């Protein structure tokens, strides 16, 4: 394995089927994004929050930070994760 840190774009899928797309420039196995907690919390009851499983999938990887930055917004739009009915991304702003 070389010394370069793998940079990734991931998709988080929540139990309600909604998604969040983000990037991680450090390839941390423990990083699950920076989605706005208040938007996620309103979708789950207290009981549902007691046993909560999410899925993290790497959907793109590169050694190039500029490429990751460019592709992240493209994938958010492609997956429509900025549509509040589909996902939790707040940017780019959703418009129908």
C-alpha atoms as a PDB file:
ATOM      1  CA  UNK A   1       0.000   0.000   0.000  1.00  0.00           C
ATOM      2  CA  UNK A   2       1.382   3.425  -0.868  1.00  0.00           C
ATOM      3  CA  UNK A   3       1.621   6.423   1.478  1.00  0.00           C
ATOM      4  CA  UNK A   4      -1.076   8.488  -0.237  1.00  0.00           C
ATOM      5  CA  UNK A   5      -4.314   8.814   1.668  1.00  0.00           C
ATOM      6  CA  UNK A   6      -7.303   7.556  -0.243  1.00  0.00           C
ATOM      7  CA  UNK A   7      -9.960  10.221  -0.657  1.00  0.00           C
ATOM      8  CA  UNK A   8     -13.528   9.007  -0.970  1.00  0.00           C
ATOM      9  CA  UNK A   9     -17.101  10.004  -1.606  1.00  0.00           C
ATOM     10  CA  UNK A  10     -19.559   7.913   0.361  1.00  0.00           C
ATOM     11  CA  UNK A  11     -23.296   7.394   0.582  1.00  0.00           C
ATOM     12  CA  UNK A  12     -24.879   6.946   3.996  1.00  0.00           C
ATOM     13  CA  UNK A  13     -28.254   5.182   3.983  1.00  0.00           C
ATOM     14  CA  UNK A  14     -30.461   5.599   7.049  1.00  0.00           C
ATOM     15  CA  UNK A  15     -33.130   3.110   8.214  1.00  0.00           C
ATOM     16  CA  UNK A  16     -35.867   5.249   6.634  1.00  0.00           C
ATOM     17  CA  UNK A  17     -34.176   4.935   3.227  1.00  0.00           C
ATOM     18  CA  UNK A  18     -33.008   8.534   3.087  1.00  0.00           C
ATOM     19  CA  UNK A  19     -29.411   9.135   2.046  1.00  0.00           C
ATOM     20  CA  UNK A  20     -26.542  11.523   2.623  1.00  0.00           C
ATOM     21  CA  UNK A  21     -23.609  11.907   0.239  1.00  0.00           C
ATOM     22  CA  UNK A  22     -20.337  13.301   1.510  1.00  0.00           C
ATOM     23  CA  UNK A  23     -16.601  13.190   1.150  1.00  0.00           C
ATOM     24  CA  UNK A  24     -13.802  12.087   3.426  1.00  0.00           C
ATOM     25  CA  UNK A  25     -10.293  13.243   2.557  1.00  0.00           C
ATOM     26  CA  UNK A  26      -8.696  11.163   5.335  1.00  0.00           C
ATOM     27  CA  UNK A  27     -10.253   7.739   4.624  1.00  0.00           C
ATOM     28  CA  UNK A  28     -11.312   7.379   8.257  1.00  0.00           C
ATOM     29  CA  UNK A  29     -13.289   4.215   8.880  1.00  0.00           C
ATOM     30  CA  UNK A  30     -15.017   6.024  11.755  1.00  0.00           C
ATOM     31  CA  UNK A  31     -16.258   9.080   9.827  1.00  0.00           C
ATOM     32  CA  UNK A  32     -19.967   9.097   8.976  1.00  0.00           C
ATOM     33  CA  UNK A  33     -20.432  12.565   7.592  1.00  0.00           C
ATOM     34  CA  UNK A  34     -21.615  15.928   8.740  1.00  0.00           C
ATOM     35  CA  UNK A  35     -25.302  15.753   7.936  1.00  0.00           C
ATOM     36  CA  UNK A  36     -27.397  18.130  10.045  1.00  0.00           C
ATOM     37  CA  UNK A  37     -28.488  16.123  13.099  1.00  0.00           C
ATOM     38  CA  UNK A  38     -31.719  18.072  13.613  1.00  0.00           C
ATOM     39  CA  UNK A  39     -32.936  17.122  10.121  1.00  0.00           C
ATOM     40  CA  UNK A  40     -32.260  13.452  10.746  1.00  0.00           C
ATOM     41  CA  UNK A  41     -33.630  13.421  14.309  1.00  0.00           C
ATOM     42  CA  UNK A  42     -37.061  14.704  13.270  1.00  0.00           C
ATOM     43  CA  UNK A  43     -37.534  11.633  11.077  1.00  0.00           C
ATOM     44  CA  UNK A  44     -37.144   9.095  13.897  1.00  0.00           C
ATOM     45  CA  UNK A  45     -39.074   8.394  17.076  1.00  0.00           C
ATOM     46  CA  UNK A  46     -37.314   7.901  20.395  1.00  0.00           C
ATOM     47  CA  UNK A  47     -37.880   4.145  20.120  1.00  0.00           C
ATOM     48  CA  UNK A  48     -36.423   4.053  16.601  1.00  0.00           C
ATOM     49  CA  UNK A  49     -33.371   5.940  17.835  1.00  0.00           C
ATOM     50  CA  UNK A  50     -32.710   3.209  20.430  1.00  0.00           C
ATOM     51  CA  UNK A  51     -31.656   0.667  17.795  1.00  0.00           C
ATOM     52  CA  UNK A  52     -30.260   2.443  14.773  1.00  0.00           C
ATOM     53  CA  UNK A  53     -28.258   0.988  11.890  1.00  0.00           C
ATOM     54  CA  UNK A  54     -26.845   2.976   8.990  1.00  0.00           C
ATOM     55  CA  UNK A  55     -24.929   1.836   5.936  1.00  0.00           C
ATOM     56  CA  UNK A  56     -21.850   3.571   4.539  1.00  0.00           C
ATOM     57  CA  UNK A  57     -20.871   2.792   0.963  1.00  0.00           C
ATOM     58  CA  UNK A  58     -17.856   4.179  -0.871  1.00  0.00           C
ATOM     59  CA  UNK A  59     -19.217   5.287  -4.247  1.00  0.00           C
ATOM     60  CA  UNK A  60     -16.119   7.051  -5.620  1.00  0.00           C
ATOM     61  CA  UNK A  61     -12.451   7.212  -4.712  1.00  0.00           C
ATOM     62  CA  UNK A  62      -9.447   9.171  -5.910  1.00  0.00           C
ATOM     63  CA  UNK A  63      -6.036  10.420  -4.812  1.00  0.00           C
ATOM     64  CA  UNK A  64      -6.935  13.870  -6.181  1.00  0.00           C
ATOM     65  CA  UNK A  65      -8.672  16.294  -3.790  1.00  0.00           C
ATOM     66  CA  UNK A  66      -9.784  18.580  -6.631  1.00  0.00           C
ATOM     67  CA  UNK A  67     -11.457  15.657  -8.364  1.00  0.00           C
ATOM     68  CA  UNK A  68     -13.236  14.607  -5.149  1.00  0.00           C
ATOM     69  CA  UNK A  69     -14.466  18.173  -4.578  1.00  0.00           C
ATOM     70  CA  UNK A  70     -15.801  18.407  -8.139  1.00  0.00           C
ATOM     71  CA  UNK A  71     -17.482  15.014  -8.157  1.00  0.00           C
ATOM     72  CA  UNK A  72     -19.146  15.318  -4.722  1.00  0.00           C
ATOM     73  CA  UNK A  73     -21.701  17.932  -5.819  1.00  0.00           C
ATOM     74  CA  UNK A  74     -22.274  16.075  -9.089  1.00  0.00           C
ATOM     75  CA  UNK A  75     -23.140  12.896  -7.153  1.00  0.00           C
ATOM     76  CA  UNK A  76     -25.388  14.790  -4.717  1.00  0.00           C
ATOM     77  CA  UNK A  77     -27.389  16.065  -7.678  1.00  0.00           C
ATOM     78  CA  UNK A  78     -27.323  12.706  -9.470  1.00  0.00           C
ATOM     79  CA  UNK A  79     -28.620  10.846  -6.401  1.00  0.00           C
ATOM     80  CA  UNK A  80     -30.960  13.749  -5.523  1.00  0.00           C
ATOM     81  CA  UNK A  81     -29.840  13.537  -1.904  1.00  0.00           C
ATOM     82  CA  UNK A  82     -30.423  17.287  -1.587  1.00  0.00           C
ATOM     83  CA  UNK A  83     -34.176  16.681  -2.080  1.00  0.00           C
ATOM     84  CA  UNK A  84     -35.593  16.571   1.486  1.00  0.00           C
ATOM     85  CA  UNK A  85     -37.857  13.672   0.479  1.00  0.00           C
ATOM     86  CA  UNK A  86     -34.825  11.620  -0.588  1.00  0.00           C
ATOM     87  CA  UNK A  87     -31.889  12.740   1.513  1.00  0.00           C
ATOM     88  CA  UNK A  88     -30.234  14.978   4.041  1.00  0.00           C
ATOM     89  CA  UNK A  89     -27.803  17.026   1.947  1.00  0.00           C
ATOM     90  CA  UNK A  90     -28.435  20.749   2.377  1.00  0.00           C
ATOM     91  CA  UNK A  91     -26.125  21.755  -0.480  1.00  0.00           C
ATOM     92  CA  UNK A  92     -26.411  22.329  -3.362  1.00  0.00           C
ATOM     93  CA  UNK A  93     -29.779  23.853  -2.531  1.00  0.00           C
ATOM     94  CA  UNK A  94     -32.652  21.728  -3.843  1.00  0.00           C
ATOM     95  CA  UNK A  95     -34.992  23.228  -6.433  1.00  0.00           C
ATOM     96  CA  UNK A  96     -37.648  21.390  -8.399  1.00  0.00           C
END
